N, C-alpha and C. Protein backbone atom coordinates (compact mmCIF):
# COMPACT_ATOMS: atom_id res chain seq x y z
N MET A 1 0.70 -1.01 0.36
CA MET A 1 0.02 -0.30 0.12
C MET A 1 0.69 1.19 0.09
N THR A 2 1.99 1.56 -0.94
CA THR A 2 2.16 2.70 -1.06
C THR A 2 1.59 3.75 -1.72
N GLY A 3 2.16 4.59 -1.87
CA GLY A 3 1.14 6.19 -2.36
C GLY A 3 0.04 6.44 -2.13
N ILE A 4 -0.53 5.88 -0.98
CA ILE A 4 -1.62 6.45 -0.26
C ILE A 4 -1.24 7.77 0.75
N GLU A 5 -2.02 9.09 0.82
CA GLU A 5 -1.82 10.10 1.74
C GLU A 5 -2.59 9.74 2.30
N THR A 6 -2.49 10.41 3.68
CA THR A 6 -3.21 10.03 4.70
C THR A 6 -3.38 11.33 5.17
N GLY A 7 -3.28 12.66 4.68
CA GLY A 7 -3.67 14.09 4.87
C GLY A 7 -3.26 14.30 5.91
N THR A 8 -2.01 13.97 6.47
CA THR A 8 -1.28 14.56 7.99
C THR A 8 0.75 14.91 7.50
N SER A 9 0.57 15.72 8.47
CA SER A 9 1.68 15.95 7.83
C SER A 9 2.87 16.20 9.35
N THR A 10 3.80 15.38 9.00
CA THR A 10 4.90 15.50 10.20
C THR A 10 6.03 17.01 10.40
N ASP A 11 5.58 17.52 9.49
CA ASP A 11 6.43 18.99 9.13
C ASP A 11 5.80 20.33 9.75
N THR A 12 4.71 19.81 10.60
CA THR A 12 3.83 21.29 11.18
C THR A 12 4.93 21.94 12.10
N GLN A 13 4.33 22.87 11.98
CA GLN A 13 4.76 23.73 12.72
C GLN A 13 4.22 25.00 13.71
N LEU A 14 4.53 24.99 14.98
CA LEU A 14 3.47 25.70 15.61
C LEU A 14 3.75 26.76 16.08
N ASP A 15 3.21 28.11 16.52
CA ASP A 15 3.11 29.15 16.31
C ASP A 15 3.10 29.16 17.67
N LEU A 16 4.14 29.18 18.82
CA LEU A 16 3.64 29.01 20.21
C LEU A 16 4.43 30.77 20.38
N ARG A 17 3.57 31.58 21.16
CA ARG A 17 4.32 32.74 21.84
C ARG A 17 3.86 32.59 23.26
N TYR A 18 4.78 33.77 23.49
CA TYR A 18 4.80 33.91 25.13
C TYR A 18 3.70 35.10 25.15
N PRO A 19 3.04 35.05 26.56
CA PRO A 19 1.93 36.03 26.61
C PRO A 19 2.71 37.08 26.92
N ALA A 20 1.69 38.31 26.16
CA ALA A 20 2.03 39.62 26.85
C ALA A 20 1.72 39.75 28.41
N MET A 21 3.06 40.38 28.81
CA MET A 21 3.49 40.65 29.91
C MET A 21 3.18 42.41 30.26
N TYR A 22 2.70 42.41 31.64
CA TYR A 22 2.21 43.81 31.98
C TYR A 22 3.00 44.16 33.13
N SER A 23 3.22 45.07 33.26
CA SER A 23 3.83 45.96 34.64
C SER A 23 2.92 46.92 35.58
N VAL A 24 2.75 45.80 36.57
CA VAL A 24 1.88 46.78 37.66
C VAL A 24 2.60 47.58 38.70
N ILE A 25 1.93 49.13 38.38
CA ILE A 25 3.15 50.22 39.09
C ILE A 25 1.96 50.77 40.21
N PHE A 26 3.17 50.86 41.14
CA PHE A 26 2.28 52.09 42.50
C PHE A 26 2.78 53.67 41.79
N LEU A 27 1.78 54.85 41.96
CA LEU A 27 1.14 55.72 41.88
C LEU A 27 1.92 56.73 43.47
N ASN A 28 2.90 57.35 43.31
CA ASN A 28 2.83 58.06 44.62
C ASN A 28 1.92 59.00 45.22
N ASP A 29 1.56 59.11 46.23
CA ASP A 29 0.44 60.15 46.52
C ASP A 29 1.01 60.84 48.34
N ASP A 30 0.43 61.94 48.78
CA ASP A 30 0.94 62.44 49.66
C ASP A 30 0.24 61.98 51.16
N TYR A 31 -0.10 60.53 50.83
CA TYR A 31 -1.38 60.94 51.78
C TYR A 31 -1.41 59.06 52.49
N THR A 32 -1.07 57.98 51.44
CA THR A 32 -1.03 56.96 52.00
C THR A 32 0.63 56.76 52.75
N PRO A 33 0.24 56.04 54.00
CA PRO A 33 1.25 56.18 54.88
C PRO A 33 2.56 54.81 54.30
N MET A 34 3.41 55.51 54.20
CA MET A 34 4.54 54.23 53.52
C MET A 34 4.55 53.16 54.24
N GLU A 35 4.23 53.08 55.62
CA GLU A 35 3.75 51.42 56.24
C GLU A 35 2.84 50.60 55.42
N PHE A 36 2.24 51.48 55.13
CA PHE A 36 0.79 50.79 54.43
C PHE A 36 1.22 50.12 52.70
N VAL A 37 1.84 51.09 52.13
CA VAL A 37 2.73 50.58 50.83
C VAL A 37 3.40 49.17 51.27
N VAL A 38 4.39 49.15 52.26
CA VAL A 38 4.98 48.23 52.23
C VAL A 38 4.68 46.91 52.83
N ASP A 39 3.52 47.12 53.30
CA ASP A 39 2.68 46.22 53.85
C ASP A 39 2.02 45.04 52.66
N LEU A 40 1.60 46.17 51.95
CA LEU A 40 0.78 45.75 50.86
C LEU A 40 2.02 44.77 50.00
N LEU A 41 3.28 45.90 49.80
CA LEU A 41 4.08 44.68 48.73
C LEU A 41 4.37 43.51 49.24
N GLN A 42 4.24 43.30 50.53
CA GLN A 42 4.77 42.21 51.10
C GLN A 42 3.49 41.23 51.34
N ILE A 43 2.40 41.56 51.51
CA ILE A 43 0.88 40.83 51.24
C ILE A 43 0.51 40.50 49.94
N ILE A 44 0.31 41.23 49.10
CA ILE A 44 0.03 41.14 48.11
C ILE A 44 1.02 40.85 46.71
N PHE A 45 2.68 41.10 47.05
CA PHE A 45 3.64 41.13 45.99
C PHE A 45 4.84 40.02 46.41
N ALA A 46 4.15 39.27 47.76
CA ALA A 46 5.72 38.50 48.19
C ALA A 46 6.61 38.75 48.42
N LYS A 47 7.04 40.66 48.87
CA LYS A 47 8.17 40.77 48.47
C LYS A 47 8.72 40.71 50.00
N ASP A 48 10.15 41.00 50.48
CA ASP A 48 10.60 40.88 51.52
C ASP A 48 10.46 42.49 52.24
N VAL A 49 10.89 42.29 53.20
CA VAL A 49 11.10 43.79 54.05
C VAL A 49 11.73 44.89 53.05
N GLU A 50 13.23 44.02 53.12
CA GLU A 50 14.11 44.90 52.15
C GLU A 50 13.23 45.41 50.84
N ALA A 51 13.46 44.64 50.25
CA ALA A 51 12.58 44.75 48.80
C ALA A 51 11.29 45.65 48.71
N ALA A 52 10.40 45.60 49.90
CA ALA A 52 9.00 46.27 50.05
C ALA A 52 9.63 47.76 50.20
N THR A 53 10.72 48.16 51.27
CA THR A 53 10.83 49.24 51.47
C THR A 53 11.67 50.10 50.42
N ARG A 54 12.61 49.41 49.67
CA ARG A 54 13.53 49.94 48.58
C ARG A 54 12.45 50.27 47.39
N ILE A 55 11.45 49.59 47.11
CA ILE A 55 10.24 49.39 46.42
C ILE A 55 9.53 51.12 46.71
N MET A 56 9.15 51.32 47.94
CA MET A 56 8.07 52.29 48.59
C MET A 56 9.02 53.45 48.58
N LEU A 57 10.33 53.52 48.87
CA LEU A 57 11.02 54.90 48.46
C LEU A 57 11.31 54.97 47.29
N GLU A 58 11.36 54.21 46.08
CA GLU A 58 11.51 54.67 44.94
C GLU A 58 9.76 55.29 44.49
N VAL A 59 8.90 54.67 44.88
CA VAL A 59 7.99 55.29 44.68
C VAL A 59 8.00 56.81 45.52
N HIS A 60 8.04 57.14 46.18
CA HIS A 60 8.05 58.42 46.90
C HIS A 60 8.73 59.29 46.55
N HIS A 61 10.16 58.91 45.83
CA HIS A 61 11.24 59.34 45.28
C HIS A 61 10.78 59.87 43.95
N GLN A 62 10.48 58.65 43.15
CA GLN A 62 10.66 58.57 41.95
C GLN A 62 8.86 59.33 41.26
N GLY A 63 8.26 59.00 42.11
CA GLY A 63 6.76 59.30 41.77
C GLY A 63 5.99 57.90 41.31
N GLN A 64 6.84 56.91 41.13
CA GLN A 64 6.16 55.43 40.51
C GLN A 64 7.37 54.54 40.94
N ALA A 65 6.97 53.40 40.90
CA ALA A 65 7.72 52.20 40.98
C ALA A 65 7.16 51.16 40.25
N VAL A 66 7.96 49.75 39.25
CA VAL A 66 7.42 48.87 38.84
C VAL A 66 7.29 48.34 39.96
N VAL A 67 6.21 47.58 40.46
CA VAL A 67 6.65 46.41 41.56
C VAL A 67 6.47 44.90 41.33
N GLY A 68 5.97 44.83 40.05
CA GLY A 68 5.84 43.33 39.60
C GLY A 68 5.71 43.32 38.09
N VAL A 69 6.04 42.29 37.28
CA VAL A 69 5.98 42.28 35.93
C VAL A 69 5.00 40.31 35.93
N TYR A 70 3.82 40.52 35.12
CA TYR A 70 2.98 39.18 35.28
C TYR A 70 1.83 39.53 33.95
N VAL A 71 1.41 37.99 33.78
CA VAL A 71 0.78 37.77 32.52
C VAL A 71 -0.74 38.94 33.05
N LYS A 72 -1.28 39.17 31.88
CA LYS A 72 -2.65 39.98 32.17
C LYS A 72 -3.24 39.76 33.32
N ASP A 73 -4.27 38.63 33.43
CA ASP A 73 -4.96 38.21 34.66
C ASP A 73 -4.17 38.21 36.00
N ILE A 74 -2.89 38.00 36.22
CA ILE A 74 -2.33 38.30 37.34
C ILE A 74 -1.88 39.63 38.05
N ALA A 75 -1.57 40.38 36.62
CA ALA A 75 -1.25 41.87 36.82
C ALA A 75 -2.53 42.57 37.37
N GLU A 76 -4.02 42.08 36.49
CA GLU A 76 -5.10 42.70 36.45
C GLU A 76 -5.45 42.38 38.57
N THR A 77 -5.65 41.38 38.63
CA THR A 77 -6.00 41.01 39.96
C THR A 77 -4.97 41.68 41.14
N LYS A 78 -3.89 41.92 41.08
CA LYS A 78 -2.92 42.62 42.04
C LYS A 78 -3.59 44.04 41.88
N VAL A 79 -3.82 44.62 40.46
CA VAL A 79 -4.04 45.90 41.04
C VAL A 79 -5.58 45.85 41.62
N GLU A 80 -6.29 45.02 41.37
CA GLU A 80 -7.69 44.85 42.25
C GLU A 80 -7.63 44.78 43.28
N GLN A 81 -6.56 43.88 43.91
CA GLN A 81 -6.86 43.59 45.28
C GLN A 81 -5.89 44.60 46.04
N VAL A 82 -5.00 45.83 45.32
CA VAL A 82 -4.44 47.02 45.99
C VAL A 82 -5.03 48.18 46.15
N SER A 83 -5.91 48.01 45.06
CA SER A 83 -7.15 49.04 44.67
C SER A 83 -8.45 48.98 46.28
N SER A 84 -8.52 47.45 46.12
CA SER A 84 -9.57 47.11 47.10
C SER A 84 -8.96 47.06 48.70
N ALA A 85 -7.89 47.02 48.79
CA ALA A 85 -7.32 47.37 50.52
C ALA A 85 -6.95 48.54 50.63
N SER A 86 -6.56 49.63 49.43
CA SER A 86 -6.69 50.57 49.68
C SER A 86 -7.80 51.62 50.57
N THR A 87 -8.73 51.64 49.27
CA THR A 87 -10.09 51.70 49.70
C THR A 87 -10.52 51.33 50.61
N LYS A 88 -10.39 50.02 51.29
CA LYS A 88 -11.03 49.67 52.75
C LYS A 88 -10.57 50.48 53.61
N ALA A 89 -9.00 50.55 53.78
CA ALA A 89 -8.40 51.45 54.45
C ALA A 89 -8.44 52.84 54.29
N GLY A 90 -9.10 53.02 53.53
CA GLY A 90 -9.43 54.80 53.71
C GLY A 90 -8.17 55.53 53.03
N HIS A 91 -7.27 54.96 52.10
CA HIS A 91 -6.00 55.40 51.39
C HIS A 91 -6.46 55.79 50.06
N PRO A 92 -5.60 56.62 49.28
CA PRO A 92 -6.00 57.05 47.97
C PRO A 92 -4.68 56.20 47.11
N LEU A 93 -3.82 55.55 47.86
CA LEU A 93 -3.01 55.05 46.84
C LEU A 93 -3.72 54.28 44.98
N LYS A 94 -2.76 54.82 44.68
CA LYS A 94 -3.12 54.41 42.83
C LYS A 94 -2.06 53.44 42.60
N CYS A 95 -2.66 52.35 42.17
CA CYS A 95 -1.89 51.10 41.18
C CYS A 95 -2.89 51.01 39.69
N ILE A 96 -1.38 50.85 38.94
CA ILE A 96 -2.01 50.58 37.61
C ILE A 96 -0.97 49.24 36.94
N LEU A 97 -1.42 49.34 35.87
CA LEU A 97 -0.79 47.99 34.93
C LEU A 97 -0.46 48.61 33.25
N GLU A 98 0.81 48.08 33.17
CA GLU A 98 0.85 48.93 31.62
C GLU A 98 1.69 47.70 31.22
N GLN A 99 1.37 47.44 29.51
CA GLN A 99 1.98 46.63 29.04
C GLN A 99 3.52 46.57 28.75
N ALA A 100 4.61 45.54 29.83
CA ALA A 100 5.97 45.94 29.57
C ALA A 100 6.05 45.33 28.00
């Protein structure tokens, strides 16, 4: 049974791509306590005290800082967690995401 075509190909190439990544960014304000920002960085972003403090100071001095880079769904969830915690605590901390 030679010469029969099965319609399959062993030369198929898959077009695999990495998902788009998004930066989660904290924005500085003059009202949210620094300790609250450090706590959020530890709880939501699993940063240790030193990394959380460094990021908080970058936000304070530079006006903003990237706190992590994630796939879109995770980045959106983290932004929502920060917004919810900030609102609940009565702080105006803003957190946004941008495509990396």
